[in-house]
Amino acid sequence: MLISLRKMDNLKEQPRVIKCRNYAKYDPTIFCSDLKKVPWDTVLSSTNVDEAWSLWKYNFTVECYKHAPLNDKKIRGRNCP
């Protein structure tokens, strides 16, 4: 008599692609000096809170993308959050 078993939990899932920052060439002193060069007067002179927040967020993310750009990474595995 011949018996064969199949593992049901051995199913392959497609890898997910996540975005993460690349800090390989990140230098905190250069990042801070570039943040000091940003014209923050536009944020401070804004009368609307939402407009000030969007201006601050835009200026900060531009510097973040310059110093630590986003990369796509493939994550394989079943129980990845």
PDB file of N, CA and C in Angstrom:
ATOM      1  N   MET A   1       0.837  -1.158   0.000  1.00  0.00           N
ATOM      2  CA  MET A   1       0.000   0.000   0.000  1.00  0.00           C
ATOM      3  C   MET A   1       0.900   1.245   0.000  1.00  0.00           C
ATOM      4  N   LEU A   2       0.509   2.243  -0.772  1.00  0.00           N
ATOM      5  CA  LEU A   2       1.298   3.464  -0.929  1.00  0.00           C
ATOM      6  C   LEU A   2       0.465   4.658  -0.454  1.00  0.00           C
ATOM      7  N   ILE A   3       1.060   5.453   0.441  1.00  0.00           N
ATOM      8  CA  ILE A   3       0.369   6.615   0.986  1.00  0.00           C
ATOM      9  C   ILE A   3       1.195   7.854   0.655  1.00  0.00           C
ATOM     10  N   SER A   4       0.538   8.878   0.200  1.00  0.00           N
ATOM     11  CA  SER A   4       1.233  10.144  -0.065  1.00  0.00           C
ATOM     12  C   SER A   4       0.545  11.254   0.728  1.00  0.00           C
ATOM     13  N   LEU A   5       1.360  12.133   1.256  1.00  0.00           N
ATOM     14  CA  LEU A   5       0.869  13.262   2.029  1.00  0.00           C
ATOM     15  C   LEU A   5       1.270  14.555   1.344  1.00  0.00           C
ATOM     16  N   ARG A   6       0.415  15.517   1.472  1.00  0.00           N
ATOM     17  CA  ARG A   6       0.715  16.827   0.903  1.00  0.00           C
ATOM     18  C   ARG A   6       0.653  17.855   2.016  1.00  0.00           C
ATOM     19  N   LYS A   7       1.693  18.624   2.127  1.00  0.00           N
ATOM     20  CA  LYS A   7       1.704  19.662   3.152  1.00  0.00           C
ATOM     21  C   LYS A   7       0.868  20.836   2.666  1.00  0.00           C
ATOM     22  N   MET A   8      -0.153  21.164   3.413  1.00  0.00           N
ATOM     23  CA  MET A   8      -1.037  22.263   3.023  1.00  0.00           C
ATOM     24  C   MET A   8      -0.483  23.615   3.452  1.00  0.00           C
ATOM     25  N   ASP A   9       0.378  23.634   4.451  1.00  0.00           N
ATOM     26  CA  ASP A   9       0.899  24.905   4.931  1.00  0.00           C
ATOM     27  C   ASP A   9       2.166  25.342   4.201  1.00  0.00           C
ATOM     28  N   ASN A  10       2.534  24.643   3.177  1.00  0.00           N
ATOM     29  CA  ASN A  10       3.745  24.957   2.429  1.00  0.00           C
ATOM     30  C   ASN A  10       3.410  25.741   1.154  1.00  0.00           C
ATOM     31  N   LEU A  11       2.411  26.579   1.214  1.00  0.00           N
ATOM     32  CA  LEU A  11       2.018  27.362   0.048  1.00  0.00           C
ATOM     33  C   LEU A  11       2.904  28.590  -0.077  1.00  0.00           C
ATOM     34  N   LYS A  12       3.328  28.864  -1.268  1.00  0.00           N
ATOM     35  CA  LYS A  12       4.172  30.033  -1.521  1.00  0.00           C
ATOM     36  C   LYS A  12       3.282  31.248  -1.735  1.00  0.00           C
ATOM     37  N   GLU A  13       3.656  32.336  -1.102  1.00  0.00           N
ATOM     38  CA  GLU A  13       2.934  33.588  -1.279  1.00  0.00           C
ATOM     39  C   GLU A  13       3.779  34.529  -2.122  1.00  0.00           C
ATOM     40  N   GLN A  14       3.113  35.422  -2.796  1.00  0.00           N
ATOM     41  CA  GLN A  14       3.814  36.406  -3.614  1.00  0.00           C
ATOM     42  C   GLN A  14       4.547  37.388  -2.708  1.00  0.00           C
ATOM     43  N   PRO A  15       5.748  37.793  -3.081  1.00  0.00           N
ATOM     44  CA  PRO A  15       6.455  38.782  -2.251  1.00  0.00           C
ATOM     45  C   PRO A  15       5.755  40.132  -2.308  1.00  0.00           C
ATOM     46  N   ARG A  16       5.766  40.820  -1.171  1.00  0.00           N
ATOM     47  CA  ARG A  16       5.201  42.157  -1.107  1.00  0.00           C
ATOM     48  C   ARG A  16       6.310  43.169  -1.326  1.00  0.00           C
ATOM     49  N   VAL A  17       5.958  44.302  -1.870  1.00  0.00           N
ATOM     50  CA  VAL A  17       6.921  45.380  -2.087  1.00  0.00           C
ATOM     51  C   VAL A  17       6.605  46.484  -1.080  1.00  0.00           C
ATOM     52  N   ILE A  18       7.604  46.839  -0.282  1.00  0.00           N
ATOM     53  CA  ILE A  18       7.436  47.918   0.683  1.00  0.00           C
ATOM     54  C   ILE A  18       8.418  49.028   0.353  1.00  0.00           C
ATOM     55  N   LYS A  19       8.132  50.205   0.837  1.00  0.00           N
ATOM     56  CA  LYS A  19       9.031  51.348   0.651  1.00  0.00           C
ATOM     57  C   LYS A  19       9.742  51.619   1.972  1.00  0.00           C
ATOM     58  N   CYS A  20      11.048  51.788   1.902  1.00  0.00           N
ATOM     59  CA  CYS A  20      11.830  52.117   3.093  1.00  0.00           C
ATOM     60  C   CYS A  20      12.941  53.072   2.682  1.00  0.00           C
ATOM     61  N   ARG A  21      13.477  53.761   3.642  1.00  0.00           N
ATOM     62  CA  ARG A  21      14.516  54.757   3.365  1.00  0.00           C
ATOM     63  C   ARG A  21      15.891  54.110   3.340  1.00  0.00           C
ATOM     64  N   ASN A  22      16.743  54.634   2.465  1.00  0.00           N
ATOM     65  CA  ASN A  22      18.120  54.164   2.348  1.00  0.00           C
ATOM     66  C   ASN A  22      19.018  55.161   3.088  1.00  0.00           C
ATOM     67  N   TYR A  23      19.575  54.711   4.213  1.00  0.00           N
ATOM     68  CA  TYR A  23      20.430  55.565   5.026  1.00  0.00           C
ATOM     69  C   TYR A  23      21.917  55.273   4.800  1.00  0.00           C
ATOM     70  N   ALA A  24      22.269  54.696   3.671  1.00  0.00           N
ATOM     71  CA  ALA A  24      23.665  54.331   3.425  1.00  0.00           C
ATOM     72  C   ALA A  24      24.564  55.559   3.342  1.00  0.00           C
ATOM     73  N   LYS A  25      24.101  56.618   2.715  1.00  0.00           N
ATOM     74  CA  LYS A  25      24.924  57.826   2.544  1.00  0.00           C
ATOM     75  C   LYS A  25      24.404  58.986   3.381  1.00  0.00           C
ATOM     76  N   TYR A  26      23.641  58.690   4.413  1.00  0.00           N
ATOM     77  CA  TYR A  26      23.053  59.723   5.268  1.00  0.00           C
ATOM     78  C   TYR A  26      24.103  60.274   6.228  1.00  0.00           C
ATOM     79  N   ASP A  27      24.191  61.601   6.270  1.00  0.00           N
ATOM     80  CA  ASP A  27      25.082  62.269   7.204  1.00  0.00           C
ATOM     81  C   ASP A  27      24.249  63.279   7.991  1.00  0.00           C
ATOM     82  N   PRO A  28      24.085  63.079   9.304  1.00  0.00           N
ATOM     83  CA  PRO A  28      23.198  63.956  10.071  1.00  0.00           C
ATOM     84  C   PRO A  28      23.642  65.415  10.120  1.00  0.00           C
ATOM     85  N   THR A  29      24.934  65.675  10.070  1.00  0.00           N
ATOM     86  CA  THR A  29      25.380  67.071  10.127  1.00  0.00           C
ATOM     87  C   THR A  29      25.019  67.812   8.842  1.00  0.00           C
ATOM     88  N   ILE A  30      25.154  67.168   7.703  1.00  0.00           N
ATOM     89  CA  ILE A  30      24.780  67.797   6.429  1.00  0.00           C
ATOM     90  C   ILE A  30      23.264  67.978   6.359  1.00  0.00           C
ATOM     91  N   PHE A  31      22.527  66.993   6.867  1.00  0.00           N
ATOM     92  CA  PHE A  31      21.072  67.087   6.893  1.00  0.00           C
ATOM     93  C   PHE A  31      20.622  68.280   7.736  1.00  0.00           C
ATOM     94  N   CYS A  32      21.209  68.457   8.901  1.00  0.00           N
ATOM     95  CA  CYS A  32      20.854  69.585   9.771  1.00  0.00           C
ATOM     96  C   CYS A  32      21.232  70.917   9.142  1.00  0.00           C
ATOM     97  N   SER A  33      22.387  70.969   8.489  1.00  0.00           N
ATOM     98  CA  SER A  33      22.785  72.232   7.853  1.00  0.00           C
ATOM     99  C   SER A  33      21.869  72.573   6.681  1.00  0.00           C
ATOM    100  N   ASP A  34      21.403  71.562   5.939  1.00  0.00           N
ATOM    101  CA  ASP A  34      20.459  71.825   4.854  1.00  0.00           C
ATOM    102  C   ASP A  34      19.096  72.244   5.396  1.00  0.00           C
ATOM    103  N   LEU A  35      18.696  71.711   6.546  1.00  0.00           N
ATOM    104  CA  LEU A  35      17.433  72.141   7.155  1.00  0.00           C
ATOM    105  C   LEU A  35      17.510  73.592   7.611  1.00  0.00           C
ATOM    106  N   LYS A  36      18.685  74.025   8.025  1.00  0.00           N
ATOM    107  CA  LYS A  36      18.836  75.418   8.435  1.00  0.00           C
ATOM    108  C   LYS A  36      18.741  76.370   7.246  1.00  0.00           C
ATOM    109  N   LYS A  37      19.046  75.890   6.049  1.00  0.00           N
ATOM    110  CA  LYS A  37      18.993  76.722   4.842  1.00  0.00           C
ATOM    111  C   LYS A  37      17.583  76.851   4.266  1.00  0.00           C
ATOM    112  N   VAL A  38      16.650  76.037   4.733  1.00  0.00           N
ATOM    113  CA  VAL A  38      15.280  76.078   4.211  1.00  0.00           C
ATOM    114  C   VAL A  38      14.612  77.372   4.664  1.00  0.00           C
ATOM    115  N   PRO A  39      13.876  78.050   3.779  1.00  0.00           N
ATOM    116  CA  PRO A  39      13.204  79.296   4.178  1.00  0.00           C
ATOM    117  C   PRO A  39      11.964  79.011   5.038  1.00  0.00           C
ATOM    118  N   TRP A  40      12.142  78.975   6.332  1.00  0.00           N
ATOM    119  CA  TRP A  40      11.041  78.661   7.247  1.00  0.00           C
ATOM    120  C   TRP A  40      10.148  79.882   7.496  1.00  0.00           C
ATOM    121  N   ASP A  41      10.508  81.037   6.979  1.00  0.00           N
ATOM    122  CA  ASP A  41       9.690  82.242   7.169  1.00  0.00           C
ATOM    123  C   ASP A  41       8.310  82.094   6.541  1.00  0.00           C
ATOM    124  N   THR A  42       8.220  81.340   5.451  1.00  0.00           N
ATOM    125  CA  THR A  42       6.922  81.136   4.816  1.00  0.00           C
ATOM    126  C   THR A  42       5.986  80.356   5.732  1.00  0.00           C
ATOM    127  N   VAL A  43       6.535  79.418   6.477  1.00  0.00           N
ATOM    128  CA  VAL A  43       5.720  78.643   7.417  1.00  0.00           C
ATOM    129  C   VAL A  43       5.287  79.523   8.580  1.00  0.00           C
ATOM    130  N   LEU A  44       6.212  80.314   9.098  1.00  0.00           N
ATOM    131  CA  LEU A  44       5.903  81.154  10.251  1.00  0.00           C
ATOM    132  C   LEU A  44       4.957  82.304   9.918  1.00  0.00           C
ATOM    133  N   SER A  45       4.997  82.776   8.683  1.00  0.00           N
ATOM    134  CA  SER A  45       4.133  83.897   8.304  1.00  0.00           C
ATOM    135  C   SER A  45       2.741  83.446   7.865  1.00  0.00           C
ATOM    136  N   SER A  46       2.527  82.175   7.756  1.00  0.00           N
ATOM    137  CA  SER A  46       1.219  81.674   7.336  1.00  0.00           C
ATOM    138  C   SER A  46       0.190  81.874   8.445  1.00  0.00           C
ATOM    139  N   THR A  47      -1.006  82.321   8.077  1.00  0.00           N
ATOM    140  CA  THR A  47      -2.058  82.555   9.069  1.00  0.00           C
ATOM    141  C   THR A  47      -2.948  81.331   9.263  1.00  0.00           C
ATOM    142  N   ASN A  48      -3.008  80.463   8.283  1.00  0.00           N
ATOM    143  CA  ASN A  48      -3.822  79.250   8.355  1.00  0.00           C
ATOM    144  C   ASN A  48      -2.966  78.102   8.885  1.00  0.00           C
ATOM    145  N   VAL A  49      -3.478  77.381   9.859  1.00  0.00           N
ATOM    146  CA  VAL A  49      -2.716  76.287  10.470  1.00  0.00           C
ATOM    147  C   VAL A  49      -2.499  75.151   9.479  1.00  0.00           C
ATOM    148  N   ASP A  50      -3.524  74.812   8.704  1.00  0.00           N
ATOM    149  CA  ASP A  50      -3.390  73.720   7.735  1.00  0.00           C
ATOM    150  C   ASP A  50      -2.372  74.061   6.652  1.00  0.00           C
ATOM    151  N   GLU A  51      -2.379  75.300   6.210  1.00  0.00           N
ATOM    152  CA  GLU A  51      -1.410  75.740   5.203  1.00  0.00           C
ATOM    153  C   GLU A  51       0.010  75.714   5.766  1.00  0.00           C
ATOM    154  N   ALA A  52       0.173  76.148   7.015  1.00  0.00           N
ATOM    155  CA  ALA A  52       1.497  76.120   7.650  1.00  0.00           C
ATOM    156  C   ALA A  52       1.996  74.686   7.793  1.00  0.00           C
ATOM    157  N   TRP A  53       1.104  73.783   8.165  1.00  0.00           N
ATOM    158  CA  TRP A  53       1.491  72.375   8.309  1.00  0.00           C
ATOM    159  C   TRP A  53       1.905  71.784   6.972  1.00  0.00           C
ATOM    160  N   SER A  54       1.150  72.059   5.924  1.00  0.00           N
ATOM    161  CA  SER A  54       1.493  71.496   4.620  1.00  0.00           C
ATOM    162  C   SER A  54       2.805  72.071   4.090  1.00  0.00           C
ATOM    163  N   LEU A  55       3.054  73.360   4.335  1.00  0.00           N
ATOM    164  CA  LEU A  55       4.331  73.954   3.931  1.00  0.00           C
ATOM    165  C   LEU A  55       5.495  73.345   4.706  1.00  0.00           C
ATOM    166  N   TRP A  56       5.327  73.163   6.017  1.00  0.00           N
ATOM    167  CA  TRP A  56       6.392  72.558   6.829  1.00  0.00           C
ATOM    168  C   TRP A  56       6.657  71.124   6.382  1.00  0.00           C
ATOM    169  N   LYS A  57       5.598  70.372   6.179  1.00  0.00           N
ATOM    170  CA  LYS A  57       5.737  68.969   5.759  1.00  0.00           C
ATOM    171  C   LYS A  57       6.415  68.869   4.401  1.00  0.00           C
ATOM    172  N   TYR A  58       6.039  69.740   3.469  1.00  0.00           N
ATOM    173  CA  TYR A  58       6.657  69.725   2.144  1.00  0.00           C
ATOM    174  C   TYR A  58       8.150  70.036   2.238  1.00  0.00           C
ATOM    175  N   ASN A  59       8.517  71.088   2.971  1.00  0.00           N
ATOM    176  CA  ASN A  59       9.933  71.458   3.090  1.00  0.00           C
ATOM    177  C   ASN A  59      10.751  70.359   3.758  1.00  0.00           C
ATOM    178  N   PHE A  60      10.192  69.744   4.786  1.00  0.00           N
ATOM    179  CA  PHE A  60      10.915  68.696   5.503  1.00  0.00           C
ATOM    180  C   PHE A  60      11.061  67.432   4.658  1.00  0.00           C
ATOM    181  N   THR A  61      10.010  67.028   3.962  1.00  0.00           N
ATOM    182  CA  THR A  61      10.096  65.804   3.154  1.00  0.00           C
ATOM    183  C   THR A  61      11.013  65.977   1.950  1.00  0.00           C
ATOM    184  N   VAL A  62      11.092  67.179   1.404  1.00  0.00           N
ATOM    185  CA  VAL A  62      12.031  67.408   0.299  1.00  0.00           C
ATOM    186  C   VAL A  62      13.464  67.138   0.766  1.00  0.00           C
ATOM    187  N   GLU A  63      13.797  67.627   1.943  1.00  0.00           N
ATOM    188  CA  GLU A  63      15.140  67.381   2.482  1.00  0.00           C
ATOM    189  C   GLU A  63      15.344  65.905   2.826  1.00  0.00           C
ATOM    190  N   CYS A  64      14.308  65.261   3.327  1.00  0.00           N
ATOM    191  CA  CYS A  64      14.424  63.824   3.641  1.00  0.00           C
ATOM    192  C   CYS A  64      14.665  63.005   2.382  1.00  0.00           C
ATOM    193  N   TYR A  65      13.943  63.303   1.319  1.00  0.00           N
ATOM    194  CA  TYR A  65      14.135  62.576   0.063  1.00  0.00           C
ATOM    195  C   TYR A  65      15.523  62.814  -0.512  1.00  0.00           C
ATOM    196  N   LYS A  66      16.066  64.008  -0.284  1.00  0.00           N
ATOM    197  CA  LYS A  66      17.390  64.310  -0.814  1.00  0.00           C
ATOM    198  C   LYS A  66      18.470  63.519  -0.080  1.00  0.00           C
ATOM    199  N   HIS A  67      18.351  63.393   1.226  1.00  0.00           N
ATOM    200  CA  HIS A  67      19.411  62.761   2.027  1.00  0.00           C
ATOM    201  C   HIS A  67      19.189  61.270   2.263  1.00  0.00           C
ATOM    202  N   ALA A  68      17.948  60.837   2.312  1.00  0.00           N
ATOM    203  CA  ALA A  68      17.638  59.420   2.522  1.00  0.00           C
ATOM    204  C   ALA A  68      16.480  59.043   1.597  1.00  0.00           C
ATOM    205  N   PRO A  69      16.772  58.716   0.335  1.00  0.00           N
ATOM    206  CA  PRO A  69      15.699  58.452  -0.629  1.00  0.00           C
ATOM    207  C   PRO A  69      14.960  57.146  -0.319  1.00  0.00           C
ATOM    208  N   LEU A  70      13.749  57.048  -0.847  1.00  0.00           N
ATOM    209  CA  LEU A  70      12.949  55.848  -0.665  1.00  0.00           C
ATOM    210  C   LEU A  70      13.376  54.779  -1.664  1.00  0.00           C
ATOM    211  N   ASN A  71      13.442  53.550  -1.190  1.00  0.00           N
ATOM    212  CA  ASN A  71      13.744  52.394  -2.028  1.00  0.00           C
ATOM    213  C   ASN A  71      12.619  51.387  -1.907  1.00  0.00           C
ATOM    214  N   ASP A  72      12.430  50.600  -2.971  1.00  0.00           N
ATOM    215  CA  ASP A  72      11.470  49.499  -2.924  1.00  0.00           C
ATOM    216  C   ASP A  72      12.204  48.231  -2.531  1.00  0.00           C
ATOM    217  N   LYS A  73      11.630  47.487  -1.579  1.00  0.00           N
ATOM    218  CA  LYS A  73      12.205  46.215  -1.166  1.00  0.00           C
ATOM    219  C   LYS A  73      11.143  45.145  -1.248  1.00  0.00           C
ATOM    220  N   LYS A  74      11.557  43.967  -1.693  1.00  0.00           N
ATOM    221  CA  LYS A  74      10.645  42.825  -1.732  1.00  0.00           C
ATOM    222  C   LYS A  74      10.761  42.055  -0.424  1.00  0.00           C
ATOM    223  N   ILE A  75       9.623  41.786   0.176  1.00  0.00           N
ATOM    224  CA  ILE A  75       9.554  41.044   1.425  1.00  0.00           C
ATOM    225  C   ILE A  75       8.863  39.719   1.140  1.00  0.00           C
ATOM    226  N   ARG A  76       9.563  38.643   1.419  1.00  0.00           N
ATOM    227  CA  ARG A  76       8.966  37.323   1.219  1.00  0.00           C
ATOM    228  C   ARG A  76       8.639  36.717   2.568  1.00  0.00           C
ATOM    229  N   GLY A  77       7.629  35.911   2.576  1.00  0.00           N
ATOM    230  CA  GLY A  77       7.250  35.238   3.800  1.00  0.00           C
ATOM    231  C   GLY A  77       5.755  35.286   3.995  1.00  0.00           C
ATOM    232  N   ARG A  78       5.301  34.478   4.897  1.00  0.00           N
ATOM    233  CA  ARG A  78       3.870  34.353   5.105  1.00  0.00           C
ATOM    234  C   ARG A  78       3.317  35.348   6.088  1.00  0.00           C
ATOM    235  N   ASN A  79       3.981  35.532   7.178  1.00  0.00           N
ATOM    236  CA  ASN A  79       3.421  36.301   8.273  1.00  0.00           C
ATOM    237  C   ASN A  79       4.012  37.695   8.384  1.00  0.00           C
ATOM    238  N   CYS A  80       4.298  38.303   7.263  1.00  0.00           N
ATOM    239  CA  CYS A  80       4.836  39.659   7.292  1.00  0.00           C
ATOM    240  C   CYS A  80       3.678  40.627   7.493  1.00  0.00           C
ATOM    241  N   PRO A  81       3.813  41.559   8.404  1.00  0.00           N
ATOM    242  CA  PRO A  81       2.725  42.533   8.613  1.00  0.00           C
ATOM    243  C   PRO A  81       2.637  43.537   7.486  1.00  0.00           C
TER     244      PRO A  81
END
